[in-house]
């Protein structure tokens, strides 16, 4: 998640580990997105548009999972998949009310 509902400790740890793995593997960062990144996208890779798709991508990234701790990621995936399921058909007001206490 890239919003205020993200756990800041997990988010920072993930970004730092992904950067570390990128340096170790000498990965090029790719082209930056120069449009709005939502309705207009030019970059080939970008943030997945839904929580479910982001979780699917995380689940496939074995190196990042190992770097973060498989038990932490497993627990995170279970919690976030349940959250995505509960909010899937929710009205925007329900979704806002769910996340508001976390902000």
PDB file of N, CA and C in Angstrom:
ATOM      1  N   UNK A   1       0.837  -1.174   0.000  1.00  0.00           N
ATOM      2  CA  UNK A   1       0.000   0.000   0.000  1.00  0.00           C
ATOM      3  C   UNK A   1       0.879   1.234   0.000  1.00  0.00           C
ATOM      4  N   UNK A   2       0.421   2.229  -0.664  1.00  0.00           N
ATOM      5  CA  UNK A   2       1.188   3.467  -0.696  1.00  0.00           C
ATOM      6  C   UNK A   2       0.385   4.601  -0.074  1.00  0.00           C
ATOM      7  N   UNK A   3      -0.540   4.266   0.801  1.00  0.00           N
ATOM      8  CA  UNK A   3      -1.345   5.297   1.439  1.00  0.00           C
ATOM      9  C   UNK A   3      -1.133   5.283   2.949  1.00  0.00           C
ATOM     10  N   UNK A   4      -1.897   6.078   3.666  1.00  0.00           N
ATOM     11  CA  UNK A   4      -1.742   6.205   5.105  1.00  0.00           C
ATOM     12  C   UNK A   4      -2.130   4.954   5.880  1.00  0.00           C
ATOM     13  N   UNK A   5      -2.745   3.968   5.222  1.00  0.00           N
ATOM     14  CA  UNK A   5      -3.122   2.731   5.893  1.00  0.00           C
ATOM     15  C   UNK A   5      -1.986   1.734   5.977  1.00  0.00           C
ATOM     16  N   UNK A   6      -0.868   2.051   5.350  1.00  0.00           N
ATOM     17  CA  UNK A   6       0.276   1.132   5.363  1.00  0.00           C
ATOM     18  C   UNK A   6       0.970   1.174   6.716  1.00  0.00           C
ATOM     19  N   UNK A   7       1.463   0.031   7.148  1.00  0.00           N
ATOM     20  CA  UNK A   7       2.275  -0.023   8.366  1.00  0.00           C
ATOM     21  C   UNK A   7       3.620   0.604   8.020  1.00  0.00           C
ATOM     22  N   UNK A   8       4.003   1.700   8.667  1.00  0.00           N
ATOM     23  CA  UNK A   8       5.242   2.384   8.277  1.00  0.00           C
ATOM     24  C   UNK A   8       6.494   1.535   8.468  1.00  0.00           C
ATOM     25  N   UNK A   9       6.507   0.661   9.442  1.00  0.00           N
ATOM     26  CA  UNK A   9       7.685  -0.176   9.681  1.00  0.00           C
ATOM     27  C   UNK A   9       7.852  -1.227   8.581  1.00  0.00           C
ATOM     28  N   UNK A  10       6.742  -1.857   8.215  1.00  0.00           N
ATOM     29  CA  UNK A  10       6.788  -2.851   7.143  1.00  0.00           C
ATOM     30  C   UNK A  10       7.096  -2.166   5.813  1.00  0.00           C
ATOM     31  N   UNK A  11       6.502  -1.009   5.574  1.00  0.00           N
ATOM     32  CA  UNK A  11       6.734  -0.287   4.324  1.00  0.00           C
ATOM     33  C   UNK A  11       8.205   0.122   4.181  1.00  0.00           C
ATOM     34  N   UNK A  12       8.786   0.699   5.223  1.00  0.00           N
ATOM     35  CA  UNK A  12      10.190   1.121   5.166  1.00  0.00           C
ATOM     36  C   UNK A  12      11.115  -0.088   5.020  1.00  0.00           C
ATOM     37  N   UNK A  13      10.863  -1.134   5.774  1.00  0.00           N
ATOM     38  CA  UNK A  13      11.695  -2.338   5.673  1.00  0.00           C
ATOM     39  C   UNK A  13      11.641  -2.913   4.263  1.00  0.00           C
ATOM     40  N   UNK A  14      10.457  -2.925   3.664  1.00  0.00           N
ATOM     41  CA  UNK A  14      10.300  -3.471   2.317  1.00  0.00           C
ATOM     42  C   UNK A  14      11.041  -2.634   1.290  1.00  0.00           C
ATOM     43  N   UNK A  15      10.910  -1.324   1.369  1.00  0.00           N
ATOM     44  CA  UNK A  15      11.614  -0.440   0.423  1.00  0.00           C
ATOM     45  C   UNK A  15      13.122  -0.595   0.572  1.00  0.00           C
ATOM     46  N   UNK A  16      13.606  -0.628   1.802  1.00  0.00           N
ATOM     47  CA  UNK A  16      15.051  -0.775   2.011  1.00  0.00           C
ATOM     48  C   UNK A  16      15.565  -2.124   1.519  1.00  0.00           C
ATOM     49  N   UNK A  17      14.831  -3.197   1.776  1.00  0.00           N
ATOM     50  CA  UNK A  17      15.258  -4.514   1.305  1.00  0.00           C
ATOM     51  C   UNK A  17      15.208  -4.595  -0.218  1.00  0.00           C
ATOM     52  N   UNK A  18      14.168  -4.031  -0.838  1.00  0.00           N
ATOM     53  CA  UNK A  18      14.084  -4.036  -2.304  1.00  0.00           C
ATOM     54  C   UNK A  18      15.247  -3.242  -2.900  1.00  0.00           C
ATOM     55  N   UNK A  19      15.584  -2.109  -2.292  1.00  0.00           N
ATOM     56  CA  UNK A  19      16.722  -1.314  -2.769  1.00  0.00           C
ATOM     57  C   UNK A  19      18.024  -2.085  -2.606  1.00  0.00           C
ATOM     58  N   UNK A  20      18.185  -2.748  -1.476  1.00  0.00           N
ATOM     59  CA  UNK A  20      19.396  -3.536  -1.235  1.00  0.00           C
ATOM     60  C   UNK A  20      19.540  -4.643  -2.270  1.00  0.00           C
ATOM     61  N   UNK A  21      18.457  -5.352  -2.535  1.00  0.00           N
ATOM     62  CA  UNK A  21      18.490  -6.418  -3.530  1.00  0.00           C
ATOM     63  C   UNK A  21      18.776  -5.848  -4.925  1.00  0.00           C
ATOM     64  N   UNK A  22      18.238  -4.681  -5.210  1.00  0.00           N
ATOM     65  CA  UNK A  22      18.517  -4.037  -6.491  1.00  0.00           C
ATOM     66  C   UNK A  22      19.977  -3.688  -6.659  1.00  0.00           C
ATOM     67  N   UNK A  23      20.610  -3.208  -5.581  1.00  0.00           N
ATOM     68  CA  UNK A  23      22.040  -2.888  -5.629  1.00  0.00           C
ATOM     69  C   UNK A  23      22.858  -4.164  -5.791  1.00  0.00           C
ATOM     70  N   UNK A  24      22.533  -5.192  -5.016  1.00  0.00           N
ATOM     71  CA  UNK A  24      23.269  -6.458  -5.095  1.00  0.00           C
ATOM     72  C   UNK A  24      23.194  -7.038  -6.511  1.00  0.00           C
ATOM     73  N   UNK A  25      22.007  -6.991  -7.119  1.00  0.00           N
ATOM     74  CA  UNK A  25      21.808  -7.556  -8.447  1.00  0.00           C
ATOM     75  C   UNK A  25      22.129  -6.572  -9.571  1.00  0.00           C
ATOM     76  N   UNK A  26      22.536  -5.363  -9.199  1.00  0.00           N
ATOM     77  CA  UNK A  26      22.858  -4.308 -10.176  1.00  0.00           C
ATOM     78  C   UNK A  26      21.698  -4.059 -11.145  1.00  0.00           C
ATOM     79  N   UNK A  27      20.506  -3.980 -10.597  1.00  0.00           N
ATOM     80  CA  UNK A  27      19.329  -3.740 -11.424  1.00  0.00           C
ATOM     81  C   UNK A  27      19.203  -2.264 -11.775  1.00  0.00           C
ATOM     82  N   UNK A  28      18.861  -1.995 -13.012  1.00  0.00           N
ATOM     83  CA  UNK A  28      18.584  -0.615 -13.427  1.00  0.00           C
ATOM     84  C   UNK A  28      17.204  -0.236 -12.897  1.00  0.00           C
ATOM     85  N   UNK A  29      17.024   0.995 -12.440  1.00  0.00           N
ATOM     86  CA  UNK A  29      15.733   1.391 -11.868  1.00  0.00           C
ATOM     87  C   UNK A  29      14.607   1.479 -12.885  1.00  0.00           C
ATOM     88  N   UNK A  30      14.896   1.514 -14.161  1.00  0.00           N
ATOM     89  CA  UNK A  30      13.846   1.641 -15.169  1.00  0.00           C
ATOM     90  C   UNK A  30      13.470   3.093 -15.380  1.00  0.00           C
ATOM     91  N   UNK A  31      12.648   3.320 -16.369  1.00  0.00           N
ATOM     92  CA  UNK A  31      12.223   4.681 -16.697  1.00  0.00           C
ATOM     93  C   UNK A  31      11.204   5.171 -15.679  1.00  0.00           C
ATOM     94  N   UNK A  32      11.316   6.425 -15.279  1.00  0.00           N
ATOM     95  CA  UNK A  32      10.334   6.968 -14.334  1.00  0.00           C
ATOM     96  C   UNK A  32       9.006   7.242 -15.038  1.00  0.00           C
ATOM     97  N   UNK A  33       7.944   7.217 -14.270  1.00  0.00           N
ATOM     98  CA  UNK A  33       6.628   7.573 -14.805  1.00  0.00           C
ATOM     99  C   UNK A  33       6.569   9.088 -14.905  1.00  0.00           C
ATOM    100  N   UNK A  34       6.251   9.601 -16.083  1.00  0.00           N
ATOM    101  CA  UNK A  34       6.196  11.055 -16.250  1.00  0.00           C
ATOM    102  C   UNK A  34       4.770  11.563 -16.463  1.00  0.00           C
ATOM    103  N   UNK A  35       3.809  10.665 -16.353  1.00  0.00           N
ATOM    104  CA  UNK A  35       2.409  11.074 -16.431  1.00  0.00           C
ATOM    105  C   UNK A  35       1.808  10.967 -15.033  1.00  0.00           C
ATOM    106  N   UNK A  36       0.479  10.938 -14.910  1.00  0.00           N
ATOM    107  CA  UNK A  36      -0.120  10.938 -13.570  1.00  0.00           C
ATOM    108  C   UNK A  36      -0.031   9.583 -12.868  1.00  0.00           C
ATOM    109  N   UNK A  37       0.265   8.502 -13.590  1.00  0.00           N
ATOM    110  CA  UNK A  37       0.429   7.200 -12.967  1.00  0.00           C
ATOM    111  C   UNK A  37      -0.866   6.522 -12.566  1.00  0.00           C
ATOM    112  N   UNK A  38      -1.976   7.142 -12.862  1.00  0.00           N
ATOM    113  CA  UNK A  38      -3.275   6.560 -12.511  1.00  0.00           C
ATOM    114  C   UNK A  38      -4.098   6.348 -13.786  1.00  0.00           C
ATOM    115  N   UNK A  39      -4.568   7.435 -14.359  1.00  0.00           N
ATOM    116  CA  UNK A  39      -5.340   7.336 -15.596  1.00  0.00           C
ATOM    117  C   UNK A  39      -4.442   7.315 -16.825  1.00  0.00           C
ATOM    118  N   UNK A  40      -3.295   7.938 -16.715  1.00  0.00           N
ATOM    119  CA  UNK A  40      -2.353   8.029 -17.826  1.00  0.00           C
ATOM    120  C   UNK A  40      -1.028   7.434 -17.384  1.00  0.00           C
ATOM    121  N   UNK A  41      -0.668   6.326 -18.021  1.00  0.00           N
ATOM    122  CA  UNK A  41       0.531   5.599 -17.622  1.00  0.00           C
ATOM    123  C   UNK A  41       1.404   5.377 -18.855  1.00  0.00           C
ATOM    124  N   UNK A  42       2.673   5.743 -18.747  1.00  0.00           N
ATOM    125  CA  UNK A  42       3.595   5.519 -19.844  1.00  0.00           C
ATOM    126  C   UNK A  42       4.643   4.460 -19.464  1.00  0.00           C
ATOM    127  N   UNK A  43       5.019   4.410 -18.191  1.00  0.00           N
ATOM    128  CA  UNK A  43       6.056   3.481 -17.750  1.00  0.00           C
ATOM    129  C   UNK A  43       5.584   2.040 -17.942  1.00  0.00           C
ATOM    130  N   UNK A  44       6.542   1.153 -18.230  1.00  0.00           N
ATOM    131  CA  UNK A  44       6.200  -0.251 -18.431  1.00  0.00           C
ATOM    132  C   UNK A  44       5.839  -0.947 -17.121  1.00  0.00           C
ATOM    133  N   UNK A  45       6.479  -0.549 -16.022  1.00  0.00           N
ATOM    134  CA  UNK A  45       6.198  -1.145 -14.710  1.00  0.00           C
ATOM    135  C   UNK A  45       5.714  -0.055 -13.773  1.00  0.00           C
ATOM    136  N   UNK A  46       4.727  -0.405 -12.975  1.00  0.00           N
ATOM    137  CA  UNK A  46       4.205   0.561 -12.012  1.00  0.00           C
ATOM    138  C   UNK A  46       3.516  -0.188 -10.883  1.00  0.00           C
ATOM    139  N   UNK A  47       3.068   0.535  -9.914  1.00  0.00           N
ATOM    140  CA  UNK A  47       2.392  -0.053  -8.759  1.00  0.00           C
ATOM    141  C   UNK A  47       1.105  -0.745  -9.210  1.00  0.00           C
ATOM    142  N   UNK A  48       0.843  -1.951  -8.730  1.00  0.00           N
ATOM    143  CA  UNK A  48      -0.410  -2.625  -9.102  1.00  0.00           C
ATOM    144  C   UNK A  48      -1.616  -1.775  -8.690  1.00  0.00           C
ATOM    145  N   UNK A  49      -2.683  -1.823  -9.493  1.00  0.00           N
ATOM    146  CA  UNK A  49      -3.832  -0.940  -9.244  1.00  0.00           C
ATOM    147  C   UNK A  49      -4.739  -1.352  -8.086  1.00  0.00           C
ATOM    148  N   UNK A  50      -4.603  -2.582  -7.588  1.00  0.00           N
ATOM    149  CA  UNK A  50      -5.461  -3.029  -6.490  1.00  0.00           C
ATOM    150  C   UNK A  50      -4.616  -3.722  -5.422  1.00  0.00           C
ATOM    151  N   UNK A  51      -5.167  -3.771  -4.233  1.00  0.00           N
ATOM    152  CA  UNK A  51      -4.489  -4.462  -3.139  1.00  0.00           C
ATOM    153  C   UNK A  51      -4.294  -5.936  -3.481  1.00  0.00           C
ATOM    154  N   UNK A  52      -5.297  -6.568  -4.051  1.00  0.00           N
ATOM    155  CA  UNK A  52      -5.195  -7.993  -4.389  1.00  0.00           C
ATOM    156  C   UNK A  52      -4.055  -8.243  -5.378  1.00  0.00           C
ATOM    157  N   UNK A  53      -3.950  -7.416  -6.400  1.00  0.00           N
ATOM    158  CA  UNK A  53      -2.876  -7.597  -7.379  1.00  0.00           C
ATOM    159  C   UNK A  53      -1.510  -7.305  -6.769  1.00  0.00           C
ATOM    160  N   UNK A  54      -1.436  -6.356  -5.861  1.00  0.00           N
ATOM    161  CA  UNK A  54      -0.166  -6.078  -5.182  1.00  0.00           C
ATOM    162  C   UNK A  54       0.250  -7.275  -4.325  1.00  0.00           C
ATOM    163  N   UNK A  55      -0.701  -7.889  -3.643  1.00  0.00           N
ATOM    164  CA  UNK A  55      -0.402  -9.061  -2.829  1.00  0.00           C
ATOM    165  C   UNK A  55       0.031 -10.241  -3.691  1.00  0.00           C
ATOM    166  N   UNK A  56      -0.610 -10.395  -4.856  1.00  0.00           N
ATOM    167  CA  UNK A  56      -0.197 -11.453  -5.787  1.00  0.00           C
ATOM    168  C   UNK A  56       1.252 -11.258  -6.224  1.00  0.00           C
ATOM    169  N   UNK A  57       1.625 -10.019  -6.506  1.00  0.00           N
ATOM    170  CA  UNK A  57       3.003  -9.740  -6.932  1.00  0.00           C
ATOM    171  C   UNK A  57       3.985 -10.005  -5.800  1.00  0.00           C
ATOM    172  N   UNK A  58       3.624  -9.598  -4.582  1.00  0.00           N
ATOM    173  CA  UNK A  58       4.497  -9.844  -3.438  1.00  0.00           C
ATOM    174  C   UNK A  58       4.696 -11.338  -3.243  1.00  0.00           C
ATOM    175  N   UNK A  59       3.617 -12.092  -3.332  1.00  0.00           N
ATOM    176  CA  UNK A  59       3.674 -13.535  -3.091  1.00  0.00           C
ATOM    177  C   UNK A  59       4.610 -14.252  -4.074  1.00  0.00           C
ATOM    178  N   UNK A  60       4.800 -13.692  -5.258  1.00  0.00           N
ATOM    179  CA  UNK A  60       5.671 -14.290  -6.273  1.00  0.00           C
ATOM    180  C   UNK A  60       7.140 -13.891  -6.114  1.00  0.00           C
ATOM    181  N   UNK A  61       7.416 -12.896  -5.293  1.00  0.00           N
ATOM    182  CA  UNK A  61       8.784 -12.383  -5.156  1.00  0.00           C
ATOM    183  C   UNK A  61       9.513 -13.114  -4.028  1.00  0.00           C
ATOM    184  N   UNK A  62      10.027 -14.300  -4.345  1.00  0.00           N
ATOM    185  CA  UNK A  62      10.657 -15.155  -3.335  1.00  0.00           C
ATOM    186  C   UNK A  62      11.863 -14.480  -2.684  1.00  0.00           C
ATOM    187  N   UNK A  63      12.664 -13.749  -3.439  1.00  0.00           N
ATOM    188  CA  UNK A  63      13.853 -13.119  -2.852  1.00  0.00           C
ATOM    189  C   UNK A  63      13.465 -12.055  -1.836  1.00  0.00           C
ATOM    190  N   UNK A  64      12.469 -11.257  -2.158  1.00  0.00           N
ATOM    191  CA  UNK A  64      12.039 -10.227  -1.219  1.00  0.00           C
ATOM    192  C   UNK A  64      11.416 -10.870   0.019  1.00  0.00           C
ATOM    193  N   UNK A  65      10.663 -11.933  -0.162  1.00  0.00           N
ATOM    194  CA  UNK A  65      10.061 -12.632   0.974  1.00  0.00           C
ATOM    195  C   UNK A  65      11.155 -13.157   1.899  1.00  0.00           C
ATOM    196  N   UNK A  66      12.175 -13.769   1.335  1.00  0.00           N
ATOM    197  CA  UNK A  66      13.288 -14.273   2.147  1.00  0.00           C
ATOM    198  C   UNK A  66      14.011 -13.134   2.859  1.00  0.00           C
ATOM    199  N   UNK A  67      14.178 -12.014   2.182  1.00  0.00           N
ATOM    200  CA  UNK A  67      14.878 -10.872   2.778  1.00  0.00           C
ATOM    201  C   UNK A  67      14.086 -10.258   3.934  1.00  0.00           C
ATOM    202  N   UNK A  68      12.770 -10.247   3.826  1.00  0.00           N
ATOM    203  CA  UNK A  68      11.933  -9.632   4.860  1.00  0.00           C
ATOM    204  C   UNK A  68      11.667 -10.566   6.041  1.00  0.00           C
ATOM    205  N   UNK A  69      11.555 -11.846   5.790  1.00  0.00           N
ATOM    206  CA  UNK A  69      11.253 -12.896   6.761  1.00  0.00           C
ATOM    207  C   UNK A  69       9.964 -13.578   6.308  1.00  0.00           C
ATOM    208  N   UNK A  70      10.056 -14.817   5.882  1.00  0.00           N
ATOM    209  CA  UNK A  70       8.880 -15.525   5.372  1.00  0.00           C
ATOM    210  C   UNK A  70       7.682 -15.548   6.329  1.00  0.00           C
ATOM    211  N   UNK A  71       7.921 -15.657   7.623  1.00  0.00           N
ATOM    212  CA  UNK A  71       6.800 -15.682   8.573  1.00  0.00           C
ATOM    213  C   UNK A  71       6.083 -14.336   8.632  1.00  0.00           C
ATOM    214  N   UNK A  72       6.858 -13.253   8.576  1.00  0.00           N
ATOM    215  CA  UNK A  72       6.263 -11.912   8.566  1.00  0.00           C
ATOM    216  C   UNK A  72       5.411 -11.732   7.317  1.00  0.00           C
ATOM    217  N   UNK A  73       5.952 -12.107   6.168  1.00  0.00           N
ATOM    218  CA  UNK A  73       5.220 -11.930   4.913  1.00  0.00           C
ATOM    219  C   UNK A  73       3.983 -12.822   4.868  1.00  0.00           C
ATOM    220  N   UNK A  74       4.097 -14.040   5.348  1.00  0.00           N
ATOM    221  CA  UNK A  74       2.942 -14.941   5.378  1.00  0.00           C
ATOM    222  C   UNK A  74       1.811 -14.346   6.216  1.00  0.00           C
ATOM    223  N   UNK A  75       2.139 -13.843   7.387  1.00  0.00           N
ATOM    224  CA  UNK A  75       1.124 -13.222   8.247  1.00  0.00           C
ATOM    225  C   UNK A  75       0.533 -11.979   7.583  1.00  0.00           C
ATOM    226  N   UNK A  76       1.394 -11.178   6.983  1.00  0.00           N
ATOM    227  CA  UNK A  76       0.948  -9.969   6.285  1.00  0.00           C
ATOM    228  C   UNK A  76      -0.021 -10.326   5.162  1.00  0.00           C
ATOM    229  N   UNK A  77       0.336 -11.347   4.371  1.00  0.00           N
ATOM    230  CA  UNK A  77      -0.522 -11.758   3.257  1.00  0.00           C
ATOM    231  C   UNK A  77      -1.884 -12.250   3.739  1.00  0.00           C
ATOM    232  N   UNK A  78      -1.902 -13.017   4.806  1.00  0.00           N
ATOM    233  CA  UNK A  78      -3.176 -13.514   5.342  1.00  0.00           C
ATOM    234  C   UNK A  78      -4.058 -12.348   5.782  1.00  0.00           C
ATOM    235  N   UNK A  79      -3.484 -11.419   6.523  1.00  0.00           N
ATOM    236  CA  UNK A  79      -4.264 -10.278   7.017  1.00  0.00           C
ATOM    237  C   UNK A  79      -4.765  -9.390   5.884  1.00  0.00           C
ATOM    238  N   UNK A  80      -3.880  -9.090   4.937  1.00  0.00           N
ATOM    239  CA  UNK A  80      -4.247  -8.183   3.849  1.00  0.00           C
ATOM    240  C   UNK A  80      -5.209  -8.830   2.854  1.00  0.00           C
ATOM    241  N   UNK A  81      -5.094 -10.148   2.644  1.00  0.00           N
ATOM    242  CA  UNK A  81      -6.053 -10.823   1.753  1.00  0.00           C
ATOM    243  C   UNK A  81      -7.451 -10.830   2.390  1.00  0.00           C
ATOM    244  N   UNK A  82      -7.501 -11.014   3.695  1.00  0.00           N
ATOM    245  CA  UNK A  82      -8.785 -10.943   4.389  1.00  0.00           C
ATOM    246  C   UNK A  82      -9.358  -9.530   4.277  1.00  0.00           C
ATOM    247  N   UNK A  83      -8.512  -8.539   4.460  1.00  0.00           N
ATOM    248  CA  UNK A  83      -8.941  -7.145   4.347  1.00  0.00           C
ATOM    249  C   UNK A  83      -9.477  -6.862   2.940  1.00  0.00           C
ATOM    250  N   UNK A  84      -8.764  -7.291   1.915  1.00  0.00           N
ATOM    251  CA  UNK A  84      -9.195  -7.063   0.538  1.00  0.00           C
ATOM    252  C   UNK A  84     -10.526  -7.749   0.259  1.00  0.00           C
ATOM    253  N   UNK A  85     -10.698  -8.954   0.790  1.00  0.00           N
ATOM    254  CA  UNK A  85     -11.946  -9.701   0.593  1.00  0.00           C
ATOM    255  C   UNK A  85     -13.125  -8.970   1.249  1.00  0.00           C
ATOM    256  N   UNK A  86     -12.907  -8.495   2.474  1.00  0.00           N
ATOM    257  CA  UNK A  86     -13.994  -7.814   3.191  1.00  0.00           C
ATOM    258  C   UNK A  86     -14.374  -6.493   2.546  1.00  0.00           C
ATOM    259  N   UNK A  87     -13.411  -5.814   1.933  1.00  0.00           N
ATOM    260  CA  UNK A  87     -13.670  -4.487   1.372  1.00  0.00           C
ATOM    261  C   UNK A  87     -13.951  -4.513  -0.132  1.00  0.00           C
ATOM    262  N   UNK A  88     -13.884  -5.692  -0.742  1.00  0.00           N
ATOM    263  CA  UNK A  88     -13.986  -5.816  -2.201  1.00  0.00           C
ATOM    264  C   UNK A  88     -15.208  -5.108  -2.773  1.00  0.00           C
ATOM    265  N   UNK A  89     -16.364  -5.340  -2.215  1.00  0.00           N
ATOM    266  CA  UNK A  89     -17.592  -4.744  -2.746  1.00  0.00           C
ATOM    267  C   UNK A  89     -18.105  -3.594  -1.887  1.00  0.00           C
ATOM    268  N   UNK A  90     -17.219  -3.079  -1.046  1.00  0.00           N
ATOM    269  CA  UNK A  90     -17.623  -2.005  -0.155  1.00  0.00           C
ATOM    270  C   UNK A  90     -17.804  -0.667  -0.861  1.00  0.00           C
ATOM    271  N   UNK A  91     -18.702   0.107  -0.357  1.00  0.00           N
ATOM    272  CA  UNK A  91     -18.906   1.477  -0.836  1.00  0.00           C
ATOM    273  C   UNK A  91     -17.728   2.319  -0.359  1.00  0.00           C
ATOM    274  N   UNK A  92     -17.429   3.368  -1.066  1.00  0.00           N
ATOM    275  CA  UNK A  92     -16.279   4.208  -0.730  1.00  0.00           C
ATOM    276  C   UNK A  92     -16.345   4.705   0.717  1.00  0.00           C
ATOM    277  N   UNK A  93     -17.536   4.957   1.228  1.00  0.00           N
ATOM    278  CA  UNK A  93     -17.677   5.395   2.612  1.00  0.00           C
ATOM    279  C   UNK A  93     -17.290   4.286   3.593  1.00  0.00           C
ATOM    280  N   UNK A  94     -17.645   3.049   3.283  1.00  0.00           N
ATOM    281  CA  UNK A  94     -17.274   1.918   4.136  1.00  0.00           C
ATOM    282  C   UNK A  94     -15.756   1.719   4.140  1.00  0.00           C
ATOM    283  N   UNK A  95     -15.167   1.848   2.974  1.00  0.00           N
ATOM    284  CA  UNK A  95     -13.716   1.679   2.869  1.00  0.00           C
ATOM    285  C   UNK A  95     -13.005   2.791   3.637  1.00  0.00           C
ATOM    286  N   UNK A  96     -13.466   4.014   3.486  1.00  0.00           N
ATOM    287  CA  UNK A  96     -12.883   5.130   4.229  1.00  0.00           C
ATOM    288  C   UNK A  96     -13.024   4.925   5.726  1.00  0.00           C
ATOM    289  N   UNK A  97     -14.192   4.519   6.172  1.00  0.00           N
ATOM    290  CA  UNK A  97     -14.420   4.318   7.608  1.00  0.00           C
ATOM    291  C   UNK A  97     -13.558   3.188   8.158  1.00  0.00           C
ATOM    292  N   UNK A  98     -13.266   2.183   7.320  1.00  0.00           N
ATOM    293  CA  UNK A  98     -12.406   1.096   7.758  1.00  0.00           C
ATOM    294  C   UNK A  98     -10.983   1.602   8.012  1.00  0.00           C
ATOM    295  N   UNK A  99     -10.452   2.399   7.070  1.00  0.00           N
ATOM    296  CA  UNK A  99      -9.060   2.838   7.178  1.00  0.00           C
ATOM    297  C   UNK A  99      -8.856   4.059   8.082  1.00  0.00           C
ATOM    298  N   UNK A 100      -9.877   4.831   8.313  1.00  0.00           N
ATOM    299  CA  UNK A 100      -9.743   6.070   9.080  1.00  0.00           C
ATOM    300  C   UNK A 100      -9.076   5.893  10.452  1.00  0.00           C
ATOM    301  N   UNK A 101      -9.416   4.884  11.225  1.00  0.00           N
ATOM    302  CA  UNK A 101      -8.744   4.744  12.533  1.00  0.00           C
ATOM    303  C   UNK A 101      -7.231   4.492  12.451  1.00  0.00           C
ATOM    304  N   UNK A 102      -6.752   4.029  11.299  1.00  0.00           N
ATOM    305  CA  UNK A 102      -5.330   3.746  11.144  1.00  0.00           C
ATOM    306  C   UNK A 102      -4.502   4.966  10.775  1.00  0.00           C
ATOM    307  N   UNK A 103      -5.182   6.047  10.406  1.00  0.00           N
ATOM    308  CA  UNK A 103      -4.467   7.250   9.943  1.00  0.00           C
ATOM    309  C   UNK A 103      -4.062   8.151  11.078  1.00  0.00           C
TER     310      UNK A 103
END
